[in-house]
Amino acid sequence: MLLDDKDMNFEIYTDESYITGERYRSIAAFSHNAEHKNTIYIDLVTLLKDSAIKEFKWQKLKDADNQ
């Protein structure tokens, strides 16, 4: 199967955590086909609005797991 440019049009978003000096202990990435950008955006905005989350922090998730 041959792929054309349309098949390879992706977007990726990254975030780093636990920066210590000169290195990152954790890097997260979210990628998706750019064709679905609007649907993903609407879904994420709806999810954040419905849950009243203003900002996602990995540390808060880790702390919640330890309670």
PDB file of N, CA and C in Angstrom:
ATOM      1  N   MET A   1       0.846  -1.176   0.000  1.00  0.00           N
ATOM      2  CA  MET A   1       0.000   0.000   0.000  1.00  0.00           C
ATOM      3  C   MET A   1       0.888   1.234   0.000  1.00  0.00           C
ATOM      4  N   LEU A   2       0.633   2.137  -0.892  1.00  0.00           N
ATOM      5  CA  LEU A   2       1.377   3.384  -0.961  1.00  0.00           C
ATOM      6  C   LEU A   2       0.615   4.468  -0.222  1.00  0.00           C
ATOM      7  N   LEU A   3       1.343   5.323   0.474  1.00  0.00           N
ATOM      8  CA  LEU A   3       0.744   6.436   1.201  1.00  0.00           C
ATOM      9  C   LEU A   3       1.021   7.728   0.465  1.00  0.00           C
ATOM     10  N   ASP A   4       0.042   8.592   0.409  1.00  0.00           N
ATOM     11  CA  ASP A   4       0.298   9.907  -0.168  1.00  0.00           C
ATOM     12  C   ASP A   4       0.390  10.937   0.951  1.00  0.00           C
ATOM     13  N   ASP A   5       0.639  12.193   0.608  1.00  0.00           N
ATOM     14  CA  ASP A   5       0.814  13.246   1.612  1.00  0.00           C
ATOM     15  C   ASP A   5      -0.398  13.395   2.518  1.00  0.00           C
ATOM     16  N   LYS A   6      -1.591  13.173   1.985  1.00  0.00           N
ATOM     17  CA  LYS A   6      -2.820  13.295   2.778  1.00  0.00           C
ATOM     18  C   LYS A   6      -2.822  12.295   3.938  1.00  0.00           C
ATOM     19  N   ASP A   7      -2.289  11.097   3.718  1.00  0.00           N
ATOM     20  CA  ASP A   7      -2.264  10.064   4.745  1.00  0.00           C
ATOM     21  C   ASP A   7      -1.272  10.385   5.867  1.00  0.00           C
ATOM     22  N   MET A   8      -0.333  11.262   5.603  1.00  0.00           N
ATOM     23  CA  MET A   8       0.733  11.545   6.561  1.00  0.00           C
ATOM     24  C   MET A   8       0.607  12.931   7.186  1.00  0.00           C
ATOM     25  N   ASN A   9      -0.571  13.507   7.191  1.00  0.00           N
ATOM     26  CA  ASN A   9      -0.785  14.854   7.713  1.00  0.00           C
ATOM     27  C   ASN A   9      -1.246  14.765   9.171  1.00  0.00           C
ATOM     28  N   PHE A  10      -0.293  14.795  10.094  1.00  0.00           N
ATOM     29  CA  PHE A  10      -0.582  14.658  11.513  1.00  0.00           C
ATOM     30  C   PHE A  10      -0.181  15.905  12.276  1.00  0.00           C
ATOM     31  N   GLU A  11      -0.801  16.104  13.414  1.00  0.00           N
ATOM     32  CA  GLU A  11      -0.402  17.135  14.362  1.00  0.00           C
ATOM     33  C   GLU A  11       0.004  16.431  15.646  1.00  0.00           C
ATOM     34  N   ILE A  12       0.950  17.017  16.363  1.00  0.00           N
ATOM     35  CA  ILE A  12       1.397  16.445  17.624  1.00  0.00           C
ATOM     36  C   ILE A  12       1.590  17.568  18.636  1.00  0.00           C
ATOM     37  N   TYR A  13       1.179  17.289  19.867  1.00  0.00           N
ATOM     38  CA  TYR A  13       1.337  18.226  20.971  1.00  0.00           C
ATOM     39  C   TYR A  13       2.120  17.509  22.060  1.00  0.00           C
ATOM     40  N   THR A  14       3.059  18.200  22.664  1.00  0.00           N
ATOM     41  CA  THR A  14       3.897  17.575  23.685  1.00  0.00           C
ATOM     42  C   THR A  14       3.942  18.425  24.944  1.00  0.00           C
ATOM     43  N   ASP A  15       4.301  17.786  26.036  1.00  0.00           N
ATOM     44  CA  ASP A  15       4.482  18.472  27.313  1.00  0.00           C
ATOM     45  C   ASP A  15       5.513  17.695  28.111  1.00  0.00           C
ATOM     46  N   GLU A  16       6.336  18.426  28.821  1.00  0.00           N
ATOM     47  CA  GLU A  16       7.362  17.784  29.635  1.00  0.00           C
ATOM     48  C   GLU A  16       7.022  17.949  31.114  1.00  0.00           C
ATOM     49  N   SER A  17       7.506  17.020  31.900  1.00  0.00           N
ATOM     50  CA  SER A  17       7.265  17.036  33.342  1.00  0.00           C
ATOM     51  C   SER A  17       8.543  16.693  34.073  1.00  0.00           C
ATOM     52  N   TYR A  18       8.580  17.052  35.331  1.00  0.00           N
ATOM     53  CA  TYR A  18       9.702  16.693  36.198  1.00  0.00           C
ATOM     54  C   TYR A  18      11.046  17.129  35.618  1.00  0.00           C
ATOM     55  N   ILE A  19      11.130  18.422  35.307  1.00  0.00           N
ATOM     56  CA  ILE A  19      12.390  18.946  34.788  1.00  0.00           C
ATOM     57  C   ILE A  19      13.378  19.046  35.939  1.00  0.00           C
ATOM     58  N   THR A  20      14.499  18.377  35.800  1.00  0.00           N
ATOM     59  CA  THR A  20      15.537  18.417  36.829  1.00  0.00           C
ATOM     60  C   THR A  20      16.853  18.804  36.168  1.00  0.00           C
ATOM     61  N   GLY A  21      17.239  20.021  36.377  1.00  0.00           N
ATOM     62  CA  GLY A  21      18.493  20.461  35.787  1.00  0.00           C
ATOM     63  C   GLY A  21      18.424  20.479  34.278  1.00  0.00           C
ATOM     64  N   GLU A  22      19.134  19.561  33.667  1.00  0.00           N
ATOM     65  CA  GLU A  22      19.245  19.560  32.214  1.00  0.00           C
ATOM     66  C   GLU A  22      18.456  18.453  31.529  1.00  0.00           C
ATOM     67  N   ARG A  23      17.577  17.755  32.259  1.00  0.00           N
ATOM     68  CA  ARG A  23      16.856  16.660  31.609  1.00  0.00           C
ATOM     69  C   ARG A  23      15.391  16.632  32.005  1.00  0.00           C
ATOM     70  N   TYR A  24      14.624  15.971  31.181  1.00  0.00           N
ATOM     71  CA  TYR A  24      13.202  15.751  31.444  1.00  0.00           C
ATOM     72  C   TYR A  24      13.030  14.303  31.868  1.00  0.00           C
ATOM     73  N   ARG A  25      12.358  14.085  32.962  1.00  0.00           N
ATOM     74  CA  ARG A  25      12.102  12.710  33.397  1.00  0.00           C
ATOM     75  C   ARG A  25      10.873  12.135  32.709  1.00  0.00           C
ATOM     76  N   SER A  26      10.024  13.013  32.162  1.00  0.00           N
ATOM     77  CA  SER A  26       8.799  12.549  31.536  1.00  0.00           C
ATOM     78  C   SER A  26       8.414  13.485  30.398  1.00  0.00           C
ATOM     79  N   ILE A  27       8.089  12.926  29.260  1.00  0.00           N
ATOM     80  CA  ILE A  27       7.587  13.697  28.130  1.00  0.00           C
ATOM     81  C   ILE A  27       6.344  12.971  27.611  1.00  0.00           C
ATOM     82  N   ALA A  28       5.240  13.702  27.528  1.00  0.00           N
ATOM     83  CA  ALA A  28       3.994  13.131  27.013  1.00  0.00           C
ATOM     84  C   ALA A  28       3.716  13.721  25.632  1.00  0.00           C
ATOM     85  N   ALA A  29       3.081  12.942  24.794  1.00  0.00           N
ATOM     86  CA  ALA A  29       2.748  13.409  23.455  1.00  0.00           C
ATOM     87  C   ALA A  29       1.348  12.933  23.073  1.00  0.00           C
ATOM     88  N   PHE A  30       0.663  13.785  22.356  1.00  0.00           N
ATOM     89  CA  PHE A  30      -0.670  13.470  21.835  1.00  0.00           C
ATOM     90  C   PHE A  30      -0.634  13.796  20.348  1.00  0.00           C
ATOM     91  N   SER A  31      -0.911  12.820  19.515  1.00  0.00           N
ATOM     92  CA  SER A  31      -0.908  13.058  18.078  1.00  0.00           C
ATOM     93  C   SER A  31      -2.229  12.606  17.472  1.00  0.00           C
ATOM     94  N   HIS A  32      -2.562  13.215  16.349  1.00  0.00           N
ATOM     95  CA  HIS A  32      -3.791  12.846  15.660  1.00  0.00           C
ATOM     96  C   HIS A  32      -3.697  13.246  14.193  1.00  0.00           C
ATOM     97  N   ASN A  33      -4.516  12.621  13.394  1.00  0.00           N
ATOM     98  CA  ASN A  33      -4.613  12.981  11.992  1.00  0.00           C
ATOM     99  C   ASN A  33      -5.196  14.385  11.911  1.00  0.00           C
ATOM    100  N   ALA A  34      -4.542  15.268  11.200  1.00  0.00           N
ATOM    101  CA  ALA A  34      -4.976  16.663  11.120  1.00  0.00           C
ATOM    102  C   ALA A  34      -6.389  16.804  10.556  1.00  0.00           C
ATOM    103  N   GLU A  35      -6.814  15.826   9.810  1.00  0.00           N
ATOM    104  CA  GLU A  35      -8.162  15.847   9.231  1.00  0.00           C
ATOM    105  C   GLU A  35      -9.239  15.885  10.324  1.00  0.00           C
ATOM    106  N   HIS A  36      -8.919  15.377  11.505  1.00  0.00           N
ATOM    107  CA  HIS A  36      -9.887  15.292  12.601  1.00  0.00           C
ATOM    108  C   HIS A  36      -9.707  16.408  13.637  1.00  0.00           C
ATOM    109  N   LYS A  37      -8.937  17.415  13.307  1.00  0.00           N
ATOM    110  CA  LYS A  37      -8.597  18.488  14.251  1.00  0.00           C
ATOM    111  C   LYS A  37      -9.839  19.140  14.872  1.00  0.00           C
ATOM    112  N   ASN A  38     -10.793  19.529  14.070  1.00  0.00           N
ATOM    113  CA  ASN A  38     -11.974  20.230  14.601  1.00  0.00           C
ATOM    114  C   ASN A  38     -12.799  19.347  15.525  1.00  0.00           C
ATOM    115  N   THR A  39     -12.980  18.094  15.164  1.00  0.00           N
ATOM    116  CA  THR A  39     -13.745  17.170  16.011  1.00  0.00           C
ATOM    117  C   THR A  39     -13.037  16.953  17.341  1.00  0.00           C
ATOM    118  N   ILE A  40     -11.740  16.759  17.307  1.00  0.00           N
ATOM    119  CA  ILE A  40     -10.979  16.558  18.540  1.00  0.00           C
ATOM    120  C   ILE A  40     -11.029  17.801  19.408  1.00  0.00           C
ATOM    121  N   TYR A  41     -10.888  18.968  18.797  1.00  0.00           N
ATOM    122  CA  TYR A  41     -10.952  20.227  19.543  1.00  0.00           C
ATOM    123  C   TYR A  41     -12.297  20.368  20.259  1.00  0.00           C
ATOM    124  N   ILE A  42     -13.371  20.145  19.545  1.00  0.00           N
ATOM    125  CA  ILE A  42     -14.713  20.259  20.135  1.00  0.00           C
ATOM    126  C   ILE A  42     -14.885  19.259  21.277  1.00  0.00           C
ATOM    127  N   ASP A  43     -14.435  18.029  21.073  1.00  0.00           N
ATOM    128  CA  ASP A  43     -14.537  17.008  22.128  1.00  0.00           C
ATOM    129  C   ASP A  43     -13.739  17.394  23.368  1.00  0.00           C
ATOM    130  N   LEU A  44     -12.524  17.890  23.177  1.00  0.00           N
ATOM    131  CA  LEU A  44     -11.700  18.285  24.326  1.00  0.00           C
ATOM    132  C   LEU A  44     -12.278  19.488  25.058  1.00  0.00           C
ATOM    133  N   VAL A  45     -12.745  20.484  24.337  1.00  0.00           N
ATOM    134  CA  VAL A  45     -13.353  21.658  24.971  1.00  0.00           C
ATOM    135  C   VAL A  45     -14.594  21.250  25.757  1.00  0.00           C
ATOM    136  N   THR A  46     -15.413  20.391  25.194  1.00  0.00           N
ATOM    137  CA  THR A  46     -16.616  19.919  25.884  1.00  0.00           C
ATOM    138  C   THR A  46     -16.246  19.153  27.144  1.00  0.00           C
ATOM    139  N   LEU A  47     -15.263  18.268  27.047  1.00  0.00           N
ATOM    140  CA  LEU A  47     -14.820  17.497  28.200  1.00  0.00           C
ATOM    141  C   LEU A  47     -14.305  18.405  29.320  1.00  0.00           C
ATOM    142  N   LEU A  48     -13.479  19.373  28.973  1.00  0.00           N
ATOM    143  CA  LEU A  48     -12.942  20.296  29.983  1.00  0.00           C
ATOM    144  C   LEU A  48     -14.048  21.159  30.588  1.00  0.00           C
ATOM    145  N   LYS A  49     -14.951  21.644  29.761  1.00  0.00           N
ATOM    146  CA  LYS A  49     -16.053  22.481  30.253  1.00  0.00           C
ATOM    147  C   LYS A  49     -16.959  21.686  31.195  1.00  0.00           C
ATOM    148  N   ASP A  50     -17.322  20.483  30.808  1.00  0.00           N
ATOM    149  CA  ASP A  50     -18.222  19.655  31.611  1.00  0.00           C
ATOM    150  C   ASP A  50     -17.593  19.230  32.937  1.00  0.00           C
ATOM    151  N   SER A  51     -16.283  19.122  32.974  1.00  0.00           N
ATOM    152  CA  SER A  51     -15.613  18.674  34.195  1.00  0.00           C
ATOM    153  C   SER A  51     -15.077  19.833  35.036  1.00  0.00           C
ATOM    154  N   ALA A  52     -15.228  21.049  34.563  1.00  0.00           N
ATOM    155  CA  ALA A  52     -14.762  22.260  35.257  1.00  0.00           C
ATOM    156  C   ALA A  52     -13.242  22.277  35.457  1.00  0.00           C
ATOM    157  N   ILE A  53     -12.519  21.566  34.613  1.00  0.00           N
ATOM    158  CA  ILE A  53     -11.052  21.568  34.677  1.00  0.00           C
ATOM    159  C   ILE A  53     -10.534  22.762  33.892  1.00  0.00           C
ATOM    160  N   LYS A  54      -9.679  23.550  34.532  1.00  0.00           N
ATOM    161  CA  LYS A  54      -9.075  24.707  33.865  1.00  0.00           C
ATOM    162  C   LYS A  54      -7.694  24.372  33.339  1.00  0.00           C
ATOM    163  N   GLU A  55      -7.019  23.454  34.035  1.00  0.00           N
ATOM    164  CA  GLU A  55      -5.662  23.096  33.662  1.00  0.00           C
ATOM    165  C   GLU A  55      -5.386  21.675  34.133  1.00  0.00           C
ATOM    166  N   PHE A  56      -4.720  20.902  33.301  1.00  0.00           N
ATOM    167  CA  PHE A  56      -4.370  19.540  33.682  1.00  0.00           C
ATOM    168  C   PHE A  56      -2.922  19.512  34.137  1.00  0.00           C
ATOM    169  N   LYS A  57      -2.687  18.960  35.308  1.00  0.00           N
ATOM    170  CA  LYS A  57      -1.336  18.814  35.841  1.00  0.00           C
ATOM    171  C   LYS A  57      -1.099  17.348  36.175  1.00  0.00           C
ATOM    172  N   TRP A  58      -0.011  16.771  35.689  1.00  0.00           N
ATOM    173  CA  TRP A  58       0.313  15.381  35.989  1.00  0.00           C
ATOM    174  C   TRP A  58       0.493  15.175  37.487  1.00  0.00           C
ATOM    175  N   GLN A  59       1.082  16.159  38.178  1.00  0.00           N
ATOM    176  CA  GLN A  59       1.322  16.021  39.610  1.00  0.00           C
ATOM    177  C   GLN A  59       0.001  15.886  40.365  1.00  0.00           C
ATOM    178  N   LYS A  60      -1.026  16.640  39.962  1.00  0.00           N
ATOM    179  CA  LYS A  60      -2.329  16.538  40.614  1.00  0.00           C
ATOM    180  C   LYS A  60      -2.935  15.152  40.409  1.00  0.00           C
ATOM    181  N   LEU A  61      -2.743  14.589  39.234  1.00  0.00           N
ATOM    182  CA  LEU A  61      -3.241  13.235  38.982  1.00  0.00           C
ATOM    183  C   LEU A  61      -2.488  12.240  39.856  1.00  0.00           C
ATOM    184  N   LYS A  62      -1.177  12.395  39.951  1.00  0.00           N
ATOM    185  CA  LYS A  62      -0.365  11.502  40.793  1.00  0.00           C
ATOM    186  C   LYS A  62      -0.797  11.613  42.251  1.00  0.00           C
ATOM    187  N   ASP A  63      -1.012  12.850  42.727  1.00  0.00           N
ATOM    188  CA  ASP A  63      -1.444  13.063  44.114  1.00  0.00           C
ATOM    189  C   ASP A  63      -2.827  12.443  44.361  1.00  0.00           C
ATOM    190  N   ALA A  64      -3.715  12.533  43.396  1.00  0.00           N
ATOM    191  CA  ALA A  64      -5.063  11.960  43.540  1.00  0.00           C
ATOM    192  C   ALA A  64      -4.983  10.432  43.651  1.00  0.00           C
ATOM    193  N   ASP A  65      -4.055   9.829  42.934  1.00  0.00           N
ATOM    194  CA  ASP A  65      -3.891   8.373  42.996  1.00  0.00           C
ATOM    195  C   ASP A  65      -3.395   7.914  44.377  1.00  0.00           C
ATOM    196  N   ASN A  66      -2.697   8.775  45.070  1.00  0.00           N
ATOM    197  CA  ASN A  66      -2.125   8.421  46.370  1.00  0.00           C
ATOM    198  C   ASN A  66      -3.071   8.678  47.537  1.00  0.00           C
ATOM    199  N   GLN A  67      -4.251   9.183  47.287  1.00  0.00           N
ATOM    200  CA  GLN A  67      -5.198   9.466  48.371  1.00  0.00           C
ATOM    201  C   GLN A  67      -6.077   8.299  48.659  1.00  0.00           C
TER     202      GLN A  67
END
